[in-house]
Amino acid sequence: MRVSLVRYTPDPELTVASAARLCYSEISAIEIAEKLSESQVDRLLQQVIASGHHSVLEHASFTFAIDGISRAASHQLVRHRLASYSQQSQRWVRYRSPEFVCPPTIIADAEARKLFDQALQTAFERYLKLLEAGVPAEDARYVLPNATTTRLVMTMNARELMHTCSIRLCLRAQWEIREMFQRIKEEVNAVAPRIGAALQIKCIKLGYCDEKETCGIRPLKEDVIG
């Protein structure tokens, strides 16, 4: 898996801070940005994140190139609808030597790995034979497994990143998408550390877990609130 931040809003944290200050200012956002110090940007972002007034975070967006995730993971990812996605098409791209993602639980079990590899090999051989028989790629792809890797470009604003990370960084999230968002967090943190610090699982801020089961980082909601 490879996650690369390829584009983002210039000065994303200053952009957010300026938008937040504008709501209570008589001067323009440009003038505000010119006057804000680093400490003021830091304080404004802390206030925005702590207050829950997150709409101004939408002014900062981040575009990622994501390669080598499984179709199983990409199907989970696109459930987060407040984002833009462009994905490699199995309809138009013919796979000659596809790669597959193997879950750690299968890697750790020799017999399971053997069964897994055999199933993938059989599926891919059938895919190639269907193509050779003249079946269009858009139909031959039906035999390809969820483990088949894919590539995509994703654009998300900081507010949606906060929401998505609050769910997908959870230790009980599916392992592959959790790893993906750990890498996304690292990429954001490199260019916008204040925003990156806000990308955390929701139980950290809530003080409790509001799911049916807890990973142990925080107690269940009913055990805290009753």
Protein backbone atom coordinates (compact mmCIF):
# COMPACT_ATOMS: atom_id res chain seq x y z
CA MET A 1 0.00 0.00 0.00
CA ARG A 2 1.20 3.48 -0.84
CA VAL A 3 -0.50 6.73 0.21
CA SER A 4 0.86 10.01 -1.14
CA LEU A 5 -0.41 13.53 -0.56
CA VAL A 6 -0.25 15.03 -4.05
CA ARG A 7 -2.11 18.34 -3.61
CA TYR A 8 -3.55 20.38 -0.77
CA THR A 9 -4.89 23.84 -0.04
CA PRO A 10 -1.96 26.28 0.22
CA ASP A 11 -1.37 27.25 3.86
CA PRO A 12 -4.29 25.08 4.98
CA GLU A 13 -4.11 26.02 8.65
CA LEU A 14 -3.83 29.73 7.94
CA THR A 15 -6.79 29.39 5.56
CA VAL A 16 -8.92 27.78 8.27
CA ALA A 17 -7.84 30.27 10.94
CA SER A 18 -8.55 33.24 8.65
CA ALA A 19 -12.02 31.90 7.87
CA ALA A 20 -12.72 31.44 11.57
CA ARG A 21 -11.59 34.97 12.42
CA LEU A 22 -13.52 36.46 9.47
CA CYS A 23 -16.84 35.48 11.04
CA TYR A 24 -16.21 38.04 13.79
CA SER A 25 -14.16 40.63 11.91
CA GLU A 26 -14.84 43.77 9.91
CA ILE A 27 -11.80 43.32 7.65
CA SER A 28 -11.28 40.91 4.75
CA ALA A 29 -9.90 37.38 4.96
CA ILE A 30 -6.81 38.51 3.03
CA GLU A 31 -6.08 41.23 5.58
CA ILE A 32 -6.68 38.82 8.42
CA ALA A 33 -4.26 36.27 6.94
CA GLU A 34 -1.58 38.93 6.61
CA LYS A 35 -1.91 39.91 10.27
CA LEU A 36 -2.26 36.52 11.97
CA SER A 37 0.80 35.26 13.83
CA GLU A 38 1.65 31.57 14.20
CA SER A 39 0.52 31.64 17.83
CA GLN A 40 -2.81 33.17 16.81
CA VAL A 41 -3.30 30.52 14.12
CA ASP A 42 -2.55 27.88 16.72
CA ARG A 43 -5.04 29.34 19.21
CA LEU A 44 -7.78 29.77 16.60
CA LEU A 45 -7.44 26.19 15.37
CA GLN A 46 -7.57 24.87 18.92
CA GLN A 47 -10.75 26.87 19.54
CA VAL A 48 -12.35 25.69 16.30
CA ILE A 49 -11.63 22.03 17.01
CA ALA A 50 -12.60 22.18 20.70
CA SER A 51 -15.82 24.14 20.10
CA GLY A 52 -17.20 21.77 17.49
CA HIS A 53 -17.69 24.63 15.02
CA HIS A 54 -15.99 22.62 12.31
CA SER A 55 -17.49 24.16 9.15
CA VAL A 56 -14.42 26.36 8.60
CA LEU A 57 -12.29 23.21 8.36
CA GLU A 58 -13.97 22.53 5.03
CA HIS A 59 -11.87 25.29 3.46
CA ALA A 60 -8.79 23.06 3.67
CA SER A 61 -8.76 20.09 1.32
CA PHE A 62 -6.24 17.33 0.68
CA THR A 63 -5.80 15.12 -2.39
CA PHE A 64 -4.18 11.70 -2.04
CA ALA A 65 -2.94 9.13 -4.54
CA ILE A 66 -3.67 5.71 -3.03
CA ASP A 67 -2.14 2.62 -4.63
CA GLY A 68 -2.14 -1.05 -3.79
CA ILE A 69 -5.24 -1.33 -1.63
CA SER A 70 -7.73 -4.13 -2.19
CA ARG A 71 -11.12 -3.73 -3.79
CA ALA A 72 -12.50 -4.81 -0.41
CA ALA A 73 -10.90 -1.73 1.17
CA SER A 74 -11.89 0.66 -1.62
CA HIS A 75 -15.54 -0.39 -1.28
CA GLN A 76 -15.38 0.58 2.39
CA LEU A 77 -13.66 3.86 1.57
CA VAL A 78 -16.24 5.17 -0.89
CA ARG A 79 -18.97 4.85 1.73
CA HIS A 80 -17.64 8.17 2.99
CA ARG A 81 -19.60 10.27 0.54
CA LEU A 82 -18.34 13.75 1.42
CA ALA A 83 -15.26 13.23 -0.71
CA SER A 84 -14.30 12.90 -4.37
CA TYR A 85 -12.95 9.64 -5.80
CA SER A 86 -11.46 8.61 -9.15
CA GLN A 87 -10.65 4.90 -9.31
CA GLN A 88 -8.82 2.65 -11.75
CA SER A 89 -11.49 0.99 -13.88
CA GLN A 90 -11.64 -2.79 -14.18
CA ARG A 91 -13.87 -2.18 -17.18
CA TRP A 92 -11.14 -0.50 -19.22
CA VAL A 93 -7.91 -1.76 -17.61
CA ARG A 94 -7.02 -5.33 -18.55
CA TYR A 95 -5.02 -7.11 -15.87
CA ARG A 96 -2.06 -9.12 -17.18
CA SER A 97 -0.23 -9.65 -13.90
CA PRO A 98 -2.49 -8.36 -11.12
CA GLU A 99 -1.43 -8.00 -7.53
CA PHE A 100 -3.48 -9.10 -4.55
CA VAL A 101 -3.72 -8.08 -0.90
CA CYS A 102 -3.40 -10.92 1.59
CA PRO A 103 -4.80 -10.40 5.13
CA PRO A 104 -2.35 -10.93 8.03
CA THR A 105 -4.48 -13.74 9.48
CA ILE A 106 -4.05 -15.69 6.26
CA ILE A 107 -0.34 -14.90 5.97
CA ALA A 108 0.14 -16.29 9.49
CA ASP A 109 -1.47 -19.64 8.61
CA ALA A 110 0.43 -21.73 6.06
CA GLU A 111 -2.56 -23.87 5.10
CA ALA A 112 -4.85 -20.86 4.80
CA ARG A 113 -2.24 -19.08 2.65
CA LYS A 114 -2.04 -22.07 0.35
CA LEU A 115 -5.83 -22.12 -0.12
CA PHE A 116 -5.85 -18.35 -0.62
CA ASP A 117 -3.13 -18.42 -3.29
CA GLN A 118 -4.79 -21.32 -5.10
CA ALA A 119 -8.14 -19.53 -5.18
CA LEU A 120 -6.56 -16.34 -6.55
CA GLN A 121 -4.56 -18.22 -9.16
CA THR A 122 -7.65 -20.07 -10.36
CA ALA A 123 -9.71 -16.88 -10.52
CA PHE A 124 -7.03 -15.06 -12.50
CA GLU A 125 -6.55 -17.94 -14.93
CA ARG A 126 -10.30 -17.95 -15.58
CA TYR A 127 -10.20 -14.18 -16.09
CA LEU A 128 -7.48 -14.49 -18.74
CA LYS A 129 -9.31 -17.32 -20.50
CA LEU A 130 -12.48 -15.24 -20.63
CA LEU A 131 -10.52 -12.39 -22.22
CA GLU A 132 -8.95 -14.80 -24.72
CA ALA A 133 -12.43 -16.08 -25.56
CA GLY A 134 -13.43 -12.57 -26.55
CA VAL A 135 -15.38 -11.70 -23.42
CA PRO A 136 -15.18 -7.92 -22.77
CA ALA A 137 -13.05 -6.91 -19.79
CA GLU A 138 -16.12 -5.32 -18.21
CA ASP A 139 -17.67 -8.81 -18.03
CA ALA A 140 -14.55 -10.91 -17.45
CA ARG A 141 -13.81 -8.84 -14.34
CA TYR A 142 -16.75 -10.50 -12.56
CA VAL A 143 -14.48 -13.41 -11.61
CA LEU A 144 -11.80 -11.18 -10.05
CA PRO A 145 -11.72 -11.38 -6.23
CA ASN A 146 -12.01 -8.62 -3.63
CA ALA A 147 -8.29 -9.10 -2.94
CA THR A 148 -7.39 -7.57 -6.33
CA THR A 149 -5.47 -4.33 -5.85
CA THR A 150 -6.65 -0.98 -7.16
CA ARG A 151 -5.49 2.62 -7.50
CA LEU A 152 -7.44 5.76 -6.81
CA VAL A 153 -7.27 9.48 -6.18
CA MET A 154 -9.23 10.82 -3.22
CA THR A 155 -9.91 14.41 -2.21
CA MET A 156 -11.29 15.15 1.26
CA ASN A 157 -11.62 18.34 3.25
CA ALA A 158 -10.25 18.55 6.78
CA ARG A 159 -13.67 18.30 8.40
CA GLU A 160 -14.48 15.04 6.63
CA LEU A 161 -10.99 13.74 7.37
CA MET A 162 -11.63 14.35 11.07
CA HIS A 163 -14.91 12.45 10.88
CA THR A 164 -13.53 9.56 8.84
CA CYS A 165 -10.41 9.18 10.97
CA SER A 166 -12.55 9.20 14.11
CA ILE A 167 -14.08 5.94 12.84
CA ARG A 168 -11.39 4.31 10.71
CA LEU A 169 -8.47 4.76 13.10
CA CYS A 170 -10.32 2.76 15.75
CA LEU A 171 -8.44 -0.41 16.71
CA ARG A 172 -11.58 -2.38 15.87
CA ALA A 173 -11.81 -0.97 12.34
CA GLN A 174 -10.91 -3.36 9.52
CA TRP A 175 -7.12 -3.64 9.42
CA GLU A 176 -6.50 -2.47 5.85
CA ILE A 177 -8.56 0.71 5.94
CA ARG A 178 -7.15 1.50 9.39
CA GLU A 179 -3.63 1.28 7.98
CA MET A 180 -4.68 3.49 5.07
CA PHE A 181 -5.94 6.24 7.37
CA GLN A 182 -2.87 5.96 9.58
CA ARG A 183 -0.82 6.80 6.50
CA ILE A 184 -3.23 9.57 5.52
CA LYS A 185 -2.84 11.06 8.98
CA GLU A 186 0.95 10.95 8.62
CA GLU A 187 0.76 12.72 5.26
CA VAL A 188 -1.50 15.47 6.63
CA ASN A 189 0.61 15.83 9.76
CA ALA A 190 3.68 16.55 7.62
CA VAL A 191 2.11 19.68 6.07
CA ALA A 192 -0.54 20.69 8.62
CA PRO A 193 0.44 19.35 12.06
CA ARG A 194 -2.36 21.12 13.94
CA ILE A 195 -4.97 19.57 11.67
CA GLY A 196 -3.09 16.27 11.74
CA ALA A 197 -3.25 16.22 15.54
CA ALA A 198 -7.05 16.46 15.32
CA LEU A 199 -7.26 13.27 13.23
CA GLN A 200 -7.88 10.80 16.03
CA ILE A 201 -10.34 8.16 17.09
CA LYS A 202 -13.55 9.56 18.53
CA CYS A 203 -13.27 7.87 21.92
CA ILE A 204 -10.22 10.03 22.73
CA LYS A 205 -12.33 13.19 22.62
CA LEU A 206 -15.53 11.63 23.98
CA GLY A 207 -13.83 9.94 26.92
CA TYR A 208 -15.79 6.75 26.27
CA CYS A 209 -16.54 4.25 23.50
CA ASP A 210 -19.98 4.62 21.91
CA GLU A 211 -19.75 1.34 19.97
CA LYS A 212 -21.20 -2.01 21.08
CA GLU A 213 -17.75 -3.30 21.94
CA THR A 214 -14.63 -1.47 23.09
CA CYS A 215 -11.01 -2.09 22.13
CA GLY A 216 -10.05 -1.15 25.70
CA ILE A 217 -8.70 2.36 25.12
CA ARG A 218 -11.86 3.83 26.68
CA PRO A 219 -14.70 2.20 28.64
CA LEU A 220 -18.13 1.73 27.09
CA LYS A 221 -20.53 4.67 27.19
CA GLU A 222 -22.99 2.92 29.52
CA ASP A 223 -20.20 2.24 32.01
CA VAL A 224 -19.34 5.95 32.13
CA ILE A 225 -22.71 7.67 31.78
CA GLY A 226 -25.02 4.87 32.83
